[in-house]
Amino acid sequence: MAETEPTLTAAKRRPVLGLRRRPERLALAVFRLPLRAARSGHLPGRTFVSFTHVGRRTGRAYDTVAMVLRHDESNREVVVCAAWGPATDWVRNLRLAPAREVRLGAERYVPEHRFLSEDEALQVLSQFLWAHPVRIRLFRAVLGWDDLRDPEAARGFVATHPFVAFRPAARAA
């Protein structure tokens, strides 16, 4: 019996849809549903944000949709996280050039962005964990993440997953 327990534990931690470090076809189809909704003009409320960024090699415009982790009404800032880490294309593109446009619900604006420090990202993650426990359980199951309620796991997560904040760009005087 002792030999089967580690296997059961490992099976419980195996991500749904075969996700590990990179998404597979079924997972990509599921995760692209919000992008299809955004393109058709039916992106739900303030749950997701869509942004257009420029390819660092091609110079082409690409649309990406990410889940909003925090939305600050006072300065219209939204925070998102790169679920697949710093090598994600949109993160690498934003490191070289700003996004062209952000769409949040019916609102559209030319953004400025910033990468959050680990302490800021940890605060955003903590608030999101408290406010959305069901979504976090889903992410754990689908993406195979550790239990982010554990402080060490949360700190490790924010150290390896960039958090990006978008807000309307200041107008030039």
N, C-alpha and C. Protein backbone atom coordinates (compact mmCIF):
# COMPACT_ATOMS: atom_id res chain seq x y z
N MET A 1 0.82 -1.20 0.00
CA MET A 1 0.00 0.00 0.00
C MET A 1 0.86 1.25 0.00
N ALA A 2 1.98 1.21 0.71
CA ALA A 2 2.84 2.39 0.79
C ALA A 2 3.39 2.77 -0.57
N GLU A 3 3.56 1.78 -1.47
CA GLU A 3 4.09 2.09 -2.79
C GLU A 3 3.07 2.82 -3.66
N THR A 4 1.78 2.60 -3.44
CA THR A 4 0.77 3.24 -4.28
C THR A 4 0.44 4.66 -3.82
N GLU A 5 0.70 4.98 -2.58
CA GLU A 5 0.37 6.32 -2.10
C GLU A 5 1.07 7.44 -2.85
N PRO A 6 2.39 7.35 -3.12
CA PRO A 6 3.01 8.42 -3.89
C PRO A 6 2.41 8.55 -5.29
N THR A 7 2.04 7.42 -5.89
CA THR A 7 1.43 7.46 -7.22
C THR A 7 0.10 8.18 -7.17
N LEU A 8 -0.70 7.91 -6.14
CA LEU A 8 -1.98 8.60 -6.01
C LEU A 8 -1.77 10.09 -5.81
N THR A 9 -0.80 10.44 -4.98
CA THR A 9 -0.52 11.86 -4.76
C THR A 9 -0.07 12.53 -6.05
N ALA A 10 0.81 11.84 -6.79
CA ALA A 10 1.28 12.40 -8.06
C ALA A 10 0.13 12.52 -9.05
N ALA A 11 -0.77 11.53 -9.05
CA ALA A 11 -1.91 11.58 -9.97
C ALA A 11 -2.82 12.74 -9.63
N LYS A 12 -2.99 13.02 -8.34
CA LYS A 12 -3.83 14.15 -7.93
C LYS A 12 -3.24 15.47 -8.40
N ARG A 13 -1.91 15.57 -8.44
CA ARG A 13 -1.25 16.81 -8.80
C ARG A 13 -1.08 16.97 -10.31
N ARG A 14 -1.36 15.91 -11.08
CA ARG A 14 -1.21 15.99 -12.53
C ARG A 14 -2.23 16.97 -13.08
N PRO A 15 -1.79 17.91 -13.90
CA PRO A 15 -2.71 18.91 -14.43
C PRO A 15 -3.77 18.30 -15.35
N VAL A 16 -4.95 18.88 -15.32
CA VAL A 16 -6.02 18.52 -16.22
C VAL A 16 -5.65 18.99 -17.62
N LEU A 17 -6.17 18.36 -18.64
CA LEU A 17 -5.94 18.72 -20.05
C LEU A 17 -4.49 18.51 -20.48
N GLY A 18 -3.71 17.78 -19.69
CA GLY A 18 -2.35 17.49 -20.08
C GLY A 18 -1.41 18.68 -20.02
N LEU A 19 -1.77 19.72 -19.30
CA LEU A 19 -0.91 20.90 -19.24
C LEU A 19 0.28 20.64 -18.33
N ARG A 20 1.39 21.13 -18.75
CA ARG A 20 2.57 21.10 -17.91
C ARG A 20 3.25 22.45 -18.06
N ARG A 21 4.34 22.50 -18.74
CA ARG A 21 5.00 23.79 -18.92
C ARG A 21 4.44 24.57 -20.11
N ARG A 22 4.02 23.86 -21.13
CA ARG A 22 3.47 24.49 -22.32
C ARG A 22 2.07 23.93 -22.56
N PRO A 23 1.16 24.74 -23.03
CA PRO A 23 -0.20 24.25 -23.27
C PRO A 23 -0.25 23.30 -24.46
N GLU A 24 -1.10 22.29 -24.39
CA GLU A 24 -1.32 21.39 -25.50
C GLU A 24 -2.56 21.85 -26.27
N ARG A 25 -2.88 21.17 -27.37
CA ARG A 25 -3.94 21.62 -28.27
C ARG A 25 -5.28 21.85 -27.58
N LEU A 26 -5.75 20.88 -26.79
CA LEU A 26 -7.05 21.04 -26.14
C LEU A 26 -7.02 22.23 -25.18
N ALA A 27 -5.94 22.34 -24.43
CA ALA A 27 -5.81 23.45 -23.49
C ALA A 27 -5.79 24.79 -24.23
N LEU A 28 -5.06 24.84 -25.34
CA LEU A 28 -5.02 26.08 -26.11
C LEU A 28 -6.41 26.45 -26.62
N ALA A 29 -7.15 25.46 -27.07
CA ALA A 29 -8.52 25.73 -27.55
C ALA A 29 -9.37 26.31 -26.44
N VAL A 30 -9.27 25.74 -25.25
CA VAL A 30 -10.05 26.22 -24.09
C VAL A 30 -9.61 27.63 -23.71
N PHE A 31 -8.30 27.84 -23.63
CA PHE A 31 -7.81 29.14 -23.19
C PHE A 31 -7.95 30.23 -24.24
N ARG A 32 -8.20 29.85 -25.48
CA ARG A 32 -8.41 30.86 -26.53
C ARG A 32 -9.86 31.28 -26.65
N LEU A 33 -10.77 30.65 -25.91
CA LEU A 33 -12.17 31.05 -25.96
C LEU A 33 -12.37 32.53 -25.61
N PRO A 34 -11.72 33.05 -24.56
CA PRO A 34 -11.89 34.49 -24.28
C PRO A 34 -11.38 35.37 -25.42
N LEU A 35 -10.33 34.95 -26.13
CA LEU A 35 -9.82 35.73 -27.26
C LEU A 35 -10.86 35.75 -28.38
N ARG A 36 -11.48 34.62 -28.64
CA ARG A 36 -12.54 34.59 -29.66
C ARG A 36 -13.70 35.48 -29.24
N ALA A 37 -14.04 35.46 -27.96
CA ALA A 37 -15.12 36.33 -27.46
C ALA A 37 -14.74 37.79 -27.63
N ALA A 38 -13.49 38.13 -27.35
CA ALA A 38 -13.03 39.52 -27.48
C ALA A 38 -13.11 39.97 -28.93
N ARG A 39 -12.70 39.12 -29.84
CA ARG A 39 -12.72 39.49 -31.26
C ARG A 39 -14.15 39.69 -31.77
N SER A 40 -15.10 38.97 -31.16
CA SER A 40 -16.49 39.12 -31.59
C SER A 40 -17.19 40.25 -30.83
N GLY A 41 -16.47 40.90 -29.91
CA GLY A 41 -17.04 42.01 -29.16
C GLY A 41 -17.87 41.57 -27.95
N HIS A 42 -17.68 40.34 -27.51
CA HIS A 42 -18.47 39.81 -26.40
C HIS A 42 -17.61 39.41 -25.21
N LEU A 43 -16.58 40.15 -24.92
CA LEU A 43 -15.73 39.84 -23.78
C LEU A 43 -16.46 40.22 -22.50
N PRO A 44 -16.61 39.27 -21.58
CA PRO A 44 -17.42 39.55 -20.39
C PRO A 44 -16.82 40.60 -19.46
N GLY A 45 -17.58 41.63 -19.19
CA GLY A 45 -17.31 42.65 -18.18
C GLY A 45 -15.87 42.96 -17.89
N ARG A 46 -15.49 42.82 -16.65
CA ARG A 46 -14.14 43.15 -16.21
C ARG A 46 -13.38 41.92 -15.73
N THR A 47 -13.80 40.75 -16.18
CA THR A 47 -13.11 39.52 -15.82
C THR A 47 -11.85 39.33 -16.66
N PHE A 48 -11.95 39.72 -17.94
CA PHE A 48 -10.82 39.58 -18.85
C PHE A 48 -10.48 40.93 -19.46
N VAL A 49 -9.20 41.08 -19.79
CA VAL A 49 -8.73 42.25 -20.51
C VAL A 49 -8.08 41.75 -21.79
N SER A 50 -8.29 42.49 -22.86
CA SER A 50 -7.68 42.16 -24.14
C SER A 50 -6.69 43.28 -24.47
N PHE A 51 -5.54 42.91 -24.97
CA PHE A 51 -4.57 43.94 -25.34
C PHE A 51 -3.86 43.55 -26.63
N THR A 52 -3.47 44.57 -27.37
CA THR A 52 -2.75 44.39 -28.62
C THR A 52 -1.30 44.78 -28.38
N HIS A 53 -0.39 43.89 -28.75
CA HIS A 53 1.04 44.15 -28.60
C HIS A 53 1.73 43.87 -29.93
N VAL A 54 2.96 44.32 -30.06
CA VAL A 54 3.70 44.21 -31.32
C VAL A 54 4.76 43.12 -31.18
N GLY A 55 4.80 42.22 -32.17
CA GLY A 55 5.79 41.14 -32.18
C GLY A 55 7.19 41.69 -32.24
N ARG A 56 8.06 41.19 -31.42
CA ARG A 56 9.42 41.72 -31.35
C ARG A 56 10.25 41.37 -32.58
N ARG A 57 9.90 40.31 -33.28
CA ARG A 57 10.62 39.93 -34.51
C ARG A 57 9.86 40.34 -35.76
N THR A 58 8.56 40.15 -35.74
CA THR A 58 7.75 40.36 -36.94
C THR A 58 7.26 41.78 -37.11
N GLY A 59 7.08 42.49 -36.00
CA GLY A 59 6.50 43.83 -36.05
C GLY A 59 4.99 43.79 -36.27
N ARG A 60 4.41 42.58 -36.30
CA ARG A 60 2.96 42.43 -36.48
C ARG A 60 2.24 42.66 -35.17
N ALA A 61 0.99 43.07 -35.27
CA ALA A 61 0.15 43.27 -34.08
C ALA A 61 -0.48 41.93 -33.70
N TYR A 62 -0.48 41.63 -32.41
CA TYR A 62 -1.08 40.42 -31.87
C TYR A 62 -2.04 40.79 -30.75
N ASP A 63 -3.14 40.07 -30.68
CA ASP A 63 -4.12 40.26 -29.60
C ASP A 63 -3.95 39.16 -28.58
N THR A 64 -4.01 39.54 -27.32
CA THR A 64 -3.92 38.59 -26.21
C THR A 64 -5.02 38.92 -25.23
N VAL A 65 -5.56 37.89 -24.61
CA VAL A 65 -6.56 38.07 -23.56
C VAL A 65 -6.01 37.45 -22.29
N ALA A 66 -6.15 38.15 -21.18
CA ALA A 66 -5.69 37.65 -19.89
C ALA A 66 -6.76 37.93 -18.84
N MET A 67 -6.77 37.11 -17.81
CA MET A 67 -7.71 37.32 -16.71
C MET A 67 -7.22 38.49 -15.85
N VAL A 68 -8.15 39.34 -15.50
CA VAL A 68 -7.84 40.49 -14.64
C VAL A 68 -7.71 39.98 -13.21
N LEU A 69 -6.57 40.25 -12.60
CA LEU A 69 -6.36 39.88 -11.21
C LEU A 69 -6.72 41.01 -10.26
N ARG A 70 -6.55 42.23 -10.75
CA ARG A 70 -6.95 43.40 -9.97
C ARG A 70 -7.34 44.51 -10.93
N HIS A 71 -8.41 45.22 -10.57
CA HIS A 71 -8.83 46.38 -11.35
C HIS A 71 -9.02 47.53 -10.39
N ASP A 72 -8.24 48.57 -10.56
CA ASP A 72 -8.32 49.75 -9.71
C ASP A 72 -9.11 50.81 -10.45
N GLU A 73 -10.34 51.05 -10.01
CA GLU A 73 -11.23 52.02 -10.67
C GLU A 73 -10.66 53.44 -10.62
N SER A 74 -9.92 53.78 -9.57
CA SER A 74 -9.45 55.15 -9.40
C SER A 74 -8.47 55.59 -10.49
N ASN A 75 -7.59 54.69 -10.91
CA ASN A 75 -6.64 55.07 -11.96
C ASN A 75 -6.80 54.20 -13.22
N ARG A 76 -7.84 53.36 -13.24
CA ARG A 76 -8.19 52.49 -14.37
C ARG A 76 -7.10 51.48 -14.68
N GLU A 77 -6.32 51.11 -13.66
CA GLU A 77 -5.24 50.15 -13.84
C GLU A 77 -5.75 48.72 -13.69
N VAL A 78 -5.32 47.83 -14.59
CA VAL A 78 -5.62 46.41 -14.49
C VAL A 78 -4.31 45.65 -14.39
N VAL A 79 -4.32 44.58 -13.60
CA VAL A 79 -3.13 43.75 -13.44
C VAL A 79 -3.44 42.35 -13.94
N VAL A 80 -2.50 41.79 -14.72
CA VAL A 80 -2.60 40.44 -15.24
C VAL A 80 -1.31 39.70 -14.91
N CYS A 81 -1.33 38.39 -15.10
CA CYS A 81 -0.17 37.55 -14.82
C CYS A 81 0.10 36.65 -16.02
N ALA A 82 1.35 36.40 -16.32
CA ALA A 82 1.74 35.48 -17.38
C ALA A 82 1.75 34.06 -16.80
N ALA A 83 0.67 33.33 -17.04
CA ALA A 83 0.50 31.99 -16.44
C ALA A 83 1.60 31.02 -16.85
N TRP A 84 2.18 31.19 -18.03
CA TRP A 84 3.23 30.28 -18.48
C TRP A 84 4.62 30.86 -18.28
N GLY A 85 4.75 31.93 -17.53
CA GLY A 85 6.05 32.42 -17.14
C GLY A 85 6.65 33.50 -18.04
N PRO A 86 7.91 33.85 -17.78
CA PRO A 86 8.54 34.99 -18.45
C PRO A 86 8.88 34.77 -19.92
N ALA A 87 8.88 33.53 -20.39
CA ALA A 87 9.19 33.26 -21.79
C ALA A 87 7.96 33.39 -22.69
N THR A 88 6.81 33.71 -22.10
CA THR A 88 5.59 33.90 -22.87
C THR A 88 5.81 35.02 -23.88
N ASP A 89 5.36 34.81 -25.11
CA ASP A 89 5.63 35.79 -26.18
C ASP A 89 5.17 37.19 -25.83
N TRP A 90 3.95 37.32 -25.27
CA TRP A 90 3.46 38.68 -25.01
C TRP A 90 4.31 39.39 -23.97
N VAL A 91 4.85 38.64 -23.00
CA VAL A 91 5.73 39.26 -21.99
C VAL A 91 7.01 39.75 -22.66
N ARG A 92 7.58 38.90 -23.48
CA ARG A 92 8.82 39.27 -24.17
C ARG A 92 8.58 40.47 -25.10
N ASN A 93 7.42 40.52 -25.73
CA ASN A 93 7.10 41.66 -26.60
C ASN A 93 6.94 42.94 -25.79
N LEU A 94 6.26 42.86 -24.64
CA LEU A 94 6.06 44.06 -23.81
C LEU A 94 7.37 44.57 -23.20
N ARG A 95 8.34 43.71 -23.05
CA ARG A 95 9.63 44.16 -22.53
C ARG A 95 10.34 45.06 -23.54
N LEU A 96 9.97 44.92 -24.82
CA LEU A 96 10.62 45.72 -25.86
C LEU A 96 9.79 46.91 -26.35
N ALA A 97 8.47 46.78 -26.27
CA ALA A 97 7.62 47.86 -26.79
C ALA A 97 6.29 47.85 -26.03
N PRO A 98 5.70 49.03 -25.87
CA PRO A 98 4.42 49.08 -25.16
C PRO A 98 3.28 48.48 -25.98
N ALA A 99 2.24 48.08 -25.29
CA ALA A 99 1.04 47.60 -25.97
C ALA A 99 0.42 48.76 -26.73
N ARG A 100 -0.26 48.45 -27.80
CA ARG A 100 -0.91 49.50 -28.61
C ARG A 100 -2.27 49.89 -28.08
N GLU A 101 -3.00 48.89 -27.57
CA GLU A 101 -4.36 49.16 -27.11
C GLU A 101 -4.74 48.15 -26.04
N VAL A 102 -5.56 48.61 -25.11
CA VAL A 102 -6.16 47.74 -24.09
C VAL A 102 -7.66 47.89 -24.20
N ARG A 103 -8.36 46.76 -24.09
CA ARG A 103 -9.82 46.74 -24.11
C ARG A 103 -10.30 46.02 -22.86
N LEU A 104 -11.06 46.74 -22.06
CA LEU A 104 -11.62 46.20 -20.83
C LEU A 104 -13.11 46.49 -20.86
N GLY A 105 -13.90 45.45 -21.08
CA GLY A 105 -15.33 45.67 -21.28
C GLY A 105 -15.53 46.54 -22.50
N ALA A 106 -16.29 47.61 -22.38
CA ALA A 106 -16.54 48.53 -23.50
C ALA A 106 -15.46 49.62 -23.59
N GLU A 107 -14.58 49.67 -22.62
CA GLU A 107 -13.55 50.71 -22.58
C GLU A 107 -12.32 50.32 -23.41
N ARG A 108 -11.80 51.29 -24.15
CA ARG A 108 -10.58 51.10 -24.94
C ARG A 108 -9.65 52.27 -24.66
N TYR A 109 -8.36 51.98 -24.56
CA TYR A 109 -7.40 53.07 -24.39
C TYR A 109 -6.00 52.65 -24.82
N VAL A 110 -5.18 53.65 -25.12
CA VAL A 110 -3.76 53.43 -25.39
C VAL A 110 -3.11 53.35 -24.02
N PRO A 111 -2.42 52.23 -23.73
CA PRO A 111 -1.90 52.04 -22.38
C PRO A 111 -0.42 52.39 -22.21
N GLU A 112 -0.07 52.53 -20.97
CA GLU A 112 1.31 52.42 -20.55
C GLU A 112 1.30 51.20 -19.63
N HIS A 113 2.43 50.55 -19.50
CA HIS A 113 2.45 49.36 -18.65
C HIS A 113 3.70 49.37 -17.77
N ARG A 114 3.64 48.53 -16.76
CA ARG A 114 4.79 48.34 -15.89
C ARG A 114 4.76 46.91 -15.38
N PHE A 115 5.94 46.37 -15.11
CA PHE A 115 6.06 45.05 -14.51
C PHE A 115 6.11 45.25 -13.00
N LEU A 116 5.28 44.52 -12.29
CA LEU A 116 5.20 44.68 -10.84
C LEU A 116 6.41 44.04 -10.16
N SER A 117 6.80 44.63 -9.03
CA SER A 117 7.85 44.02 -8.21
C SER A 117 7.28 42.76 -7.58
N GLU A 118 8.13 41.91 -7.05
CA GLU A 118 7.65 40.69 -6.41
C GLU A 118 6.73 41.00 -5.23
N ASP A 119 7.05 42.04 -4.46
CA ASP A 119 6.20 42.40 -3.32
C ASP A 119 4.82 42.86 -3.78
N GLU A 120 4.78 43.69 -4.84
CA GLU A 120 3.49 44.13 -5.38
C GLU A 120 2.70 42.94 -5.92
N ALA A 121 3.38 42.06 -6.65
CA ALA A 121 2.72 40.89 -7.23
C ALA A 121 2.18 39.98 -6.13
N LEU A 122 2.93 39.83 -5.07
CA LEU A 122 2.48 39.00 -3.94
C LEU A 122 1.22 39.59 -3.31
N GLN A 123 1.15 40.89 -3.21
CA GLN A 123 -0.04 41.55 -2.67
C GLN A 123 -1.25 41.33 -3.59
N VAL A 124 -1.05 41.48 -4.89
CA VAL A 124 -2.14 41.25 -5.86
C VAL A 124 -2.60 39.80 -5.78
N LEU A 125 -1.65 38.87 -5.75
CA LEU A 125 -1.98 37.45 -5.67
C LEU A 125 -2.75 37.14 -4.40
N SER A 126 -2.32 37.70 -3.29
CA SER A 126 -3.00 37.47 -2.01
C SER A 126 -4.44 37.96 -2.05
N GLN A 127 -4.65 39.14 -2.59
CA GLN A 127 -6.01 39.68 -2.70
C GLN A 127 -6.87 38.82 -3.63
N PHE A 128 -6.28 38.35 -4.73
CA PHE A 128 -7.02 37.52 -5.68
C PHE A 128 -7.37 36.16 -5.05
N LEU A 129 -6.43 35.58 -4.32
CA LEU A 129 -6.69 34.31 -3.63
C LEU A 129 -7.87 34.43 -2.68
N TRP A 130 -7.92 35.52 -1.95
CA TRP A 130 -9.00 35.74 -0.99
C TRP A 130 -10.33 35.96 -1.70
N ALA A 131 -10.32 36.73 -2.79
CA ALA A 131 -11.56 37.10 -3.47
C ALA A 131 -12.09 36.02 -4.42
N HIS A 132 -11.21 35.16 -4.92
CA HIS A 132 -11.62 34.20 -5.96
C HIS A 132 -11.08 32.79 -5.68
N PRO A 133 -11.46 32.16 -4.60
CA PRO A 133 -10.91 30.83 -4.28
C PRO A 133 -11.28 29.75 -5.31
N VAL A 134 -12.45 29.87 -5.93
CA VAL A 134 -12.87 28.86 -6.91
C VAL A 134 -11.99 28.95 -8.16
N ARG A 135 -11.70 30.15 -8.62
CA ARG A 135 -10.83 30.30 -9.78
C ARG A 135 -9.44 29.73 -9.50
N ILE A 136 -8.94 29.97 -8.31
CA ILE A 136 -7.62 29.46 -7.95
C ILE A 136 -7.61 27.94 -7.96
N ARG A 137 -8.66 27.32 -7.44
CA ARG A 137 -8.74 25.85 -7.46
C ARG A 137 -8.76 25.35 -8.90
N LEU A 138 -9.46 26.06 -9.77
CA LEU A 138 -9.50 25.68 -11.18
C LEU A 138 -8.10 25.80 -11.80
N PHE A 139 -7.41 26.90 -11.55
CA PHE A 139 -6.05 27.07 -12.09
C PHE A 139 -5.13 25.97 -11.58
N ARG A 140 -5.24 25.63 -10.31
CA ARG A 140 -4.41 24.57 -9.75
C ARG A 140 -4.67 23.26 -10.49
N ALA A 141 -5.93 22.94 -10.74
CA ALA A 141 -6.28 21.69 -11.41
C ALA A 141 -5.82 21.69 -12.87
N VAL A 142 -6.07 22.78 -13.57
CA VAL A 142 -5.77 22.83 -15.00
C VAL A 142 -4.28 23.03 -15.26
N LEU A 143 -3.65 23.92 -14.52
CA LEU A 143 -2.26 24.27 -14.78
C LEU A 143 -1.25 23.52 -13.92
N GLY A 144 -1.73 22.80 -12.91
CA GLY A 144 -0.83 22.03 -12.07
C GLY A 144 0.00 22.87 -11.11
N TRP A 145 -0.51 24.04 -10.74
CA TRP A 145 0.20 24.91 -9.81
C TRP A 145 0.16 24.34 -8.40
N ASP A 146 1.15 24.72 -7.60
CA ASP A 146 1.15 24.38 -6.18
C ASP A 146 0.04 25.17 -5.50
N ASP A 147 -0.22 24.84 -4.24
CA ASP A 147 -1.22 25.54 -3.46
C ASP A 147 -0.67 26.93 -3.13
N LEU A 148 -1.20 27.94 -3.80
CA LEU A 148 -0.68 29.29 -3.66
C LEU A 148 -1.08 29.95 -2.35
N ARG A 149 -1.87 29.26 -1.53
CA ARG A 149 -2.16 29.78 -0.19
C ARG A 149 -0.96 29.60 0.73
N ASP A 150 -0.05 28.70 0.35
CA ASP A 150 1.19 28.50 1.09
C ASP A 150 2.13 29.67 0.76
N PRO A 151 2.62 30.39 1.78
CA PRO A 151 3.46 31.57 1.52
C PRO A 151 4.70 31.28 0.67
N GLU A 152 5.33 30.15 0.89
CA GLU A 152 6.53 29.80 0.10
C GLU A 152 6.16 29.55 -1.36
N ALA A 153 5.06 28.84 -1.59
CA ALA A 153 4.61 28.57 -2.96
C ALA A 153 4.22 29.87 -3.65
N ALA A 154 3.54 30.75 -2.93
CA ALA A 154 3.13 32.04 -3.51
C ALA A 154 4.35 32.88 -3.88
N ARG A 155 5.34 32.92 -2.99
CA ARG A 155 6.55 33.71 -3.27
C ARG A 155 7.30 33.12 -4.46
N GLY A 156 7.38 31.80 -4.53
CA GLY A 156 8.02 31.15 -5.68
C GLY A 156 7.27 31.44 -6.97
N PHE A 157 5.95 31.47 -6.89
CA PHE A 157 5.13 31.75 -8.07
C PHE A 157 5.38 33.15 -8.61
N VAL A 158 5.32 34.15 -7.74
CA VAL A 158 5.50 35.53 -8.23
C VAL A 158 6.93 35.77 -8.70
N ALA A 159 7.88 34.98 -8.21
CA ALA A 159 9.26 35.11 -8.67
C ALA A 159 9.44 34.57 -10.09
N THR A 160 8.54 33.69 -10.51
CA THR A 160 8.70 33.04 -11.81
C THR A 160 7.58 33.36 -12.81
N HIS A 161 6.63 34.18 -12.42
CA HIS A 161 5.51 34.53 -13.30
C HIS A 161 5.33 36.06 -13.28
N PRO A 162 5.69 36.73 -14.36
CA PRO A 162 5.58 38.19 -14.39
C PRO A 162 4.14 38.68 -14.24
N PHE A 163 3.98 39.72 -13.44
CA PHE A 163 2.69 40.41 -13.27
C PHE A 163 2.85 41.76 -13.96
N VAL A 164 1.88 42.11 -14.80
CA VAL A 164 1.95 43.35 -15.58
C VAL A 164 0.71 44.19 -15.30
N ALA A 165 0.92 45.48 -15.10
CA ALA A 165 -0.18 46.42 -14.88
C ALA A 165 -0.29 47.34 -16.09
N PHE A 166 -1.54 47.50 -16.58
CA PHE A 166 -1.84 48.42 -17.67
C PHE A 166 -2.71 49.54 -17.13
N ARG A 167 -2.47 50.75 -17.59
CA ARG A 167 -3.34 51.89 -17.29
C ARG A 167 -3.30 52.83 -18.49
N PRO A 168 -4.30 53.70 -18.61
CA PRO A 168 -4.27 54.65 -19.74
C PRO A 168 -3.00 55.50 -19.70
N ALA A 169 -2.40 55.66 -20.86
CA ALA A 169 -1.17 56.46 -20.96
C ALA A 169 -1.48 57.93 -20.65
N ALA A 170 -0.53 58.56 -19.98
CA ALA A 170 -0.68 60.00 -19.71
C ALA A 170 -0.59 60.75 -21.03
N ARG A 171 -1.44 61.72 -21.19
CA ARG A 171 -1.44 62.51 -22.43
C ARG A 171 -0.30 63.50 -22.42
N ALA A 172 0.36 63.63 -23.56
CA ALA A 172 1.47 64.59 -23.69
C ALA A 172 0.89 66.01 -23.67
N ALA A 173 1.57 66.89 -22.97
CA ALA A 173 1.10 68.28 -22.86
C ALA A 173 1.46 69.11 -24.06
